[in-house]
Protein backbone atom coordinates (compact mmCIF):
# COMPACT_ATOMS: atom_id res chain seq x y z
CA MET A 1 -13.78 -41.55 -42.37
CA ASN A 2 -17.04 -43.44 -41.96
CA SER A 3 -18.74 -41.04 -39.35
CA PHE A 4 -18.16 -38.16 -37.26
CA HIS A 5 -17.40 -40.55 -34.14
CA ASP A 6 -14.69 -42.49 -36.19
CA LEU A 7 -13.05 -39.03 -37.05
CA VAL A 8 -12.87 -38.09 -33.80
CA ILE A 9 -11.42 -41.18 -32.26
CA HIS A 10 -8.52 -41.13 -34.88
CA ARG A 11 -7.77 -37.59 -34.60
CA ARG A 12 -4.75 -37.43 -32.79
CA SER A 13 -1.74 -34.43 -32.41
CA TYR A 14 0.92 -35.16 -34.96
CA ARG A 15 4.28 -33.46 -34.54
CA LYS A 16 6.21 -35.06 -37.24
CA TYR A 17 5.88 -34.59 -40.77
CA THR A 18 7.14 -35.72 -44.25
CA ASP A 19 8.72 -33.36 -46.67
CA GLU A 20 5.28 -33.74 -48.91
CA LEU A 21 3.46 -30.71 -49.60
CA LEU A 22 -0.23 -30.23 -49.50
CA ASN A 23 -2.17 -29.53 -52.86
CA PRO A 24 -4.18 -26.34 -53.17
CA GLU A 25 -7.41 -28.09 -52.76
CA GLN A 26 -6.34 -29.66 -49.49
CA VAL A 27 -5.59 -26.31 -48.44
CA ARG A 28 -8.76 -24.56 -49.56
CA LEU A 29 -10.83 -27.38 -47.71
CA ILE A 30 -9.22 -26.82 -44.48
CA LEU A 31 -9.54 -22.90 -44.84
CA GLU A 32 -13.18 -23.35 -45.83
CA ALA A 33 -13.89 -25.29 -42.59
CA ALA A 34 -12.27 -22.49 -40.52
CA LEU A 35 -14.50 -19.81 -42.15
CA MET A 36 -17.60 -21.84 -41.81
CA SER A 37 -17.07 -21.94 -38.19
CA PRO A 38 -19.51 -20.69 -35.66
CA ALA A 39 -18.79 -17.61 -33.99
CA GLY A 40 -20.34 -15.44 -31.21
CA LYS A 41 -23.08 -13.06 -32.91
CA ARG A 42 -21.75 -14.27 -36.20
CA LYS A 43 -19.00 -11.47 -35.82
CA ASN A 44 -16.45 -13.76 -37.55
CA PRO A 45 -13.63 -11.85 -35.64
CA TRP A 46 -10.86 -14.41 -36.92
CA HIS A 47 -8.21 -13.86 -39.32
CA PHE A 48 -5.93 -16.87 -40.89
CA VAL A 49 -2.20 -16.27 -42.08
CA VAL A 50 -1.31 -19.18 -44.34
CA VAL A 51 2.49 -19.82 -44.02
CA GLU A 52 4.34 -22.08 -46.12
CA ASP A 53 7.79 -20.46 -46.63
CA LYS A 54 10.43 -22.33 -44.72
CA ALA A 55 12.48 -19.36 -43.26
CA ASP A 56 9.08 -18.05 -41.89
CA LEU A 57 7.99 -21.63 -40.64
CA LYS A 58 11.45 -22.07 -38.74
CA ALA A 59 10.96 -18.66 -36.98
CA LEU A 60 7.60 -19.46 -36.03
CA SER A 61 9.06 -22.52 -34.77
CA GLU A 62 10.98 -20.25 -32.23
CA ALA A 63 8.28 -17.69 -31.53
CA LYS A 64 7.90 -19.69 -28.13
CA ALA A 65 10.02 -21.06 -25.37
CA GLN A 66 8.89 -24.84 -25.78
CA GLY A 67 6.19 -26.62 -27.99
CA ALA A 68 6.52 -25.07 -31.32
CA ALA A 69 9.22 -27.16 -32.87
CA PRO A 70 6.67 -29.13 -35.13
CA ILE A 71 6.23 -25.99 -37.00
CA ALA A 72 9.49 -25.94 -38.78
CA ASN A 73 8.89 -29.46 -40.50
CA ALA A 74 5.40 -28.75 -41.34
CA ALA A 75 4.21 -28.50 -45.04
CA LEU A 76 2.36 -25.27 -43.94
CA ALA A 77 1.18 -23.57 -40.69
CA ILE A 78 -2.00 -21.50 -40.24
CA VAL A 79 -1.70 -18.85 -37.65
CA VAL A 80 -4.96 -18.06 -36.06
CA CYS A 81 -5.30 -14.62 -34.75
CA ALA A 82 -8.01 -12.01 -34.34
CA ASP A 83 -8.68 -8.18 -33.19
CA PRO A 84 -10.18 -8.37 -29.63
CA ASN A 85 -11.94 -5.20 -30.10
CA GLU A 86 -14.07 -6.96 -32.91
CA SER A 87 -15.50 -9.37 -30.32
CA ASP A 88 -15.47 -10.22 -26.59
CA THR A 89 -15.73 -13.84 -27.74
CA TRP A 90 -12.46 -13.95 -30.05
CA VAL A 91 -10.79 -16.67 -27.96
CA GLU A 92 -13.88 -19.23 -28.22
CA ASP A 93 -14.38 -18.14 -31.93
CA CYS A 94 -10.73 -18.77 -32.97
CA SER A 95 -10.61 -21.80 -30.93
CA ILE A 96 -13.52 -23.28 -32.62
CA ALA A 97 -12.00 -22.33 -36.13
CA SER A 98 -8.81 -23.94 -34.86
CA LEU A 99 -10.38 -27.22 -33.83
CA GLN A 100 -12.45 -27.27 -37.05
CA MET A 101 -9.45 -27.03 -39.44
CA MET A 102 -7.79 -29.90 -37.19
CA LEU A 103 -11.05 -32.07 -38.07
CA GLN A 104 -10.60 -31.14 -41.65
CA VAL A 105 -6.97 -32.21 -41.71
CA GLN A 106 -7.89 -35.51 -40.10
CA ASP A 107 -10.58 -36.15 -42.37
CA LEU A 108 -7.86 -35.39 -45.35
CA GLY A 109 -5.86 -38.13 -43.87
CA LEU A 110 -3.28 -35.38 -42.99
CA GLY A 111 -1.78 -34.47 -39.53
CA SER A 112 -1.61 -31.31 -37.19
CA VAL A 113 -0.94 -29.99 -34.05
CA TRP A 114 -2.39 -27.15 -32.15
CA ILE A 115 0.35 -24.80 -30.67
CA GLN A 116 -0.86 -22.30 -28.16
CA MET A 117 0.85 -18.82 -28.67
CA ARG A 118 -1.63 -16.72 -26.49
CA ASN A 119 -0.23 -16.00 -22.94
CA ARG A 120 3.06 -17.92 -23.79
CA GLU A 121 6.53 -16.51 -23.76
CA ASP A 122 9.77 -17.24 -25.52
CA SER A 123 13.05 -18.12 -23.69
CA GLU A 124 13.83 -14.51 -22.97
CA GLY A 125 10.44 -13.66 -21.66
CA ASN A 126 9.04 -11.98 -24.64
CA ASP A 127 5.46 -12.49 -25.49
CA ALA A 128 5.04 -15.13 -27.94
CA SER A 129 1.96 -13.52 -29.64
CA TYR A 130 4.13 -10.40 -30.25
CA ASN A 131 7.04 -12.43 -32.08
CA VAL A 132 4.42 -14.16 -34.39
CA ARG A 133 3.03 -10.75 -35.23
CA ARG A 134 6.60 -9.30 -35.90
CA ILE A 135 7.61 -12.43 -38.15
CA LEU A 136 4.43 -11.81 -40.11
CA GLU A 137 3.60 -8.46 -40.03
CA ILE A 138 0.39 -8.72 -38.45
CA PRO A 139 -1.16 -5.67 -36.92
CA ALA A 140 -0.46 -4.72 -33.35
CA ASN A 141 -3.80 -4.62 -32.33
CA TYR A 142 -4.15 -8.36 -33.23
CA GLU A 143 -3.93 -11.05 -31.03
CA VAL A 144 -2.73 -14.50 -31.71
CA LEU A 145 -4.17 -17.55 -30.27
CA SER A 146 -2.62 -20.35 -32.14
CA VAL A 147 -0.55 -21.86 -34.84
CA ILE A 148 -1.82 -24.98 -36.40
CA SER A 149 1.02 -27.08 -38.20
CA ILE A 150 -0.15 -29.28 -40.77
CA GLY A 151 1.43 -31.95 -42.96
CA HIS A 152 1.75 -35.57 -44.03
CA PRO A 153 2.37 -37.58 -40.98
CA ASN A 154 5.51 -39.17 -40.34
CA GLU A 155 4.66 -41.04 -37.39
CA ASP A 156 1.81 -43.40 -36.20
CA ARG A 157 -0.38 -42.98 -33.63
CA LYS A 158 -3.07 -45.23 -32.28
CA PRO A 159 -6.86 -44.01 -32.04
CA TYR A 160 -8.09 -43.00 -28.54
CA ASP A 161 -8.93 -46.07 -26.65
CA THR A 162 -12.46 -45.36 -25.59
CA ASP A 163 -12.22 -47.74 -22.40
CA LYS A 164 -10.02 -44.99 -20.90
CA LEU A 165 -12.24 -42.25 -21.26
CA GLN A 166 -12.69 -39.97 -17.86
CA TRP A 167 -16.14 -40.85 -17.19
CA GLU A 168 -15.72 -39.70 -13.85
CA LYS A 169 -15.73 -36.10 -15.13
CA VAL A 170 -19.17 -36.46 -16.56
CA HIS A 171 -21.86 -35.11 -13.96
CA ILE A 172 -25.43 -35.81 -14.57
CA GLY A 173 -28.02 -33.18 -13.13
CA LYS A 174 -25.62 -31.18 -10.75
CA PHE A 175 -21.79 -31.49 -10.35
CA SER A 176 -21.93 -33.74 -7.11
CA ASN A 177 -23.18 -37.13 -8.00
CA GLU A 178 -21.87 -38.86 -4.87
CA LYS A 179 -24.16 -39.98 -2.29
CA GLU A 180 -23.82 -38.58 1.37
């Protein structure tokens, strides 16, 4: 990418991947991006579980009722979790780390998609975060925010069309900009 703006325009969610694996350097750079992400009071409450085992990826893809299928065919997935007792900003901190990983993935020419687990359920009404903790033996006091599936894209996605940005959602000075 030539610039951050270019990176943001081209970053899209990819749900289909080839069978090609990531190399160790790519994985290291993605994890570095997460570990360098800002966190409230620099408490760094996040933890990351890197999953490459195909059986575990398949199980994670079934941890919630809808939207997790891309995990099954990813080269790897990174589970983003934290102990909520470590920081009251754990959700925000984990969200920022997730986004930084996704931007690094895009910069490497790879694809990813954020898969929300927090406050989601499987088809039987069980907590998706609990399911992920059970599959990966994550301690019970940790909450799972997201799973980032990552791989070599097997679909074409057009960059964002900046002509379709919702500028009406930007408010200058005060929320209401309408003249009375």
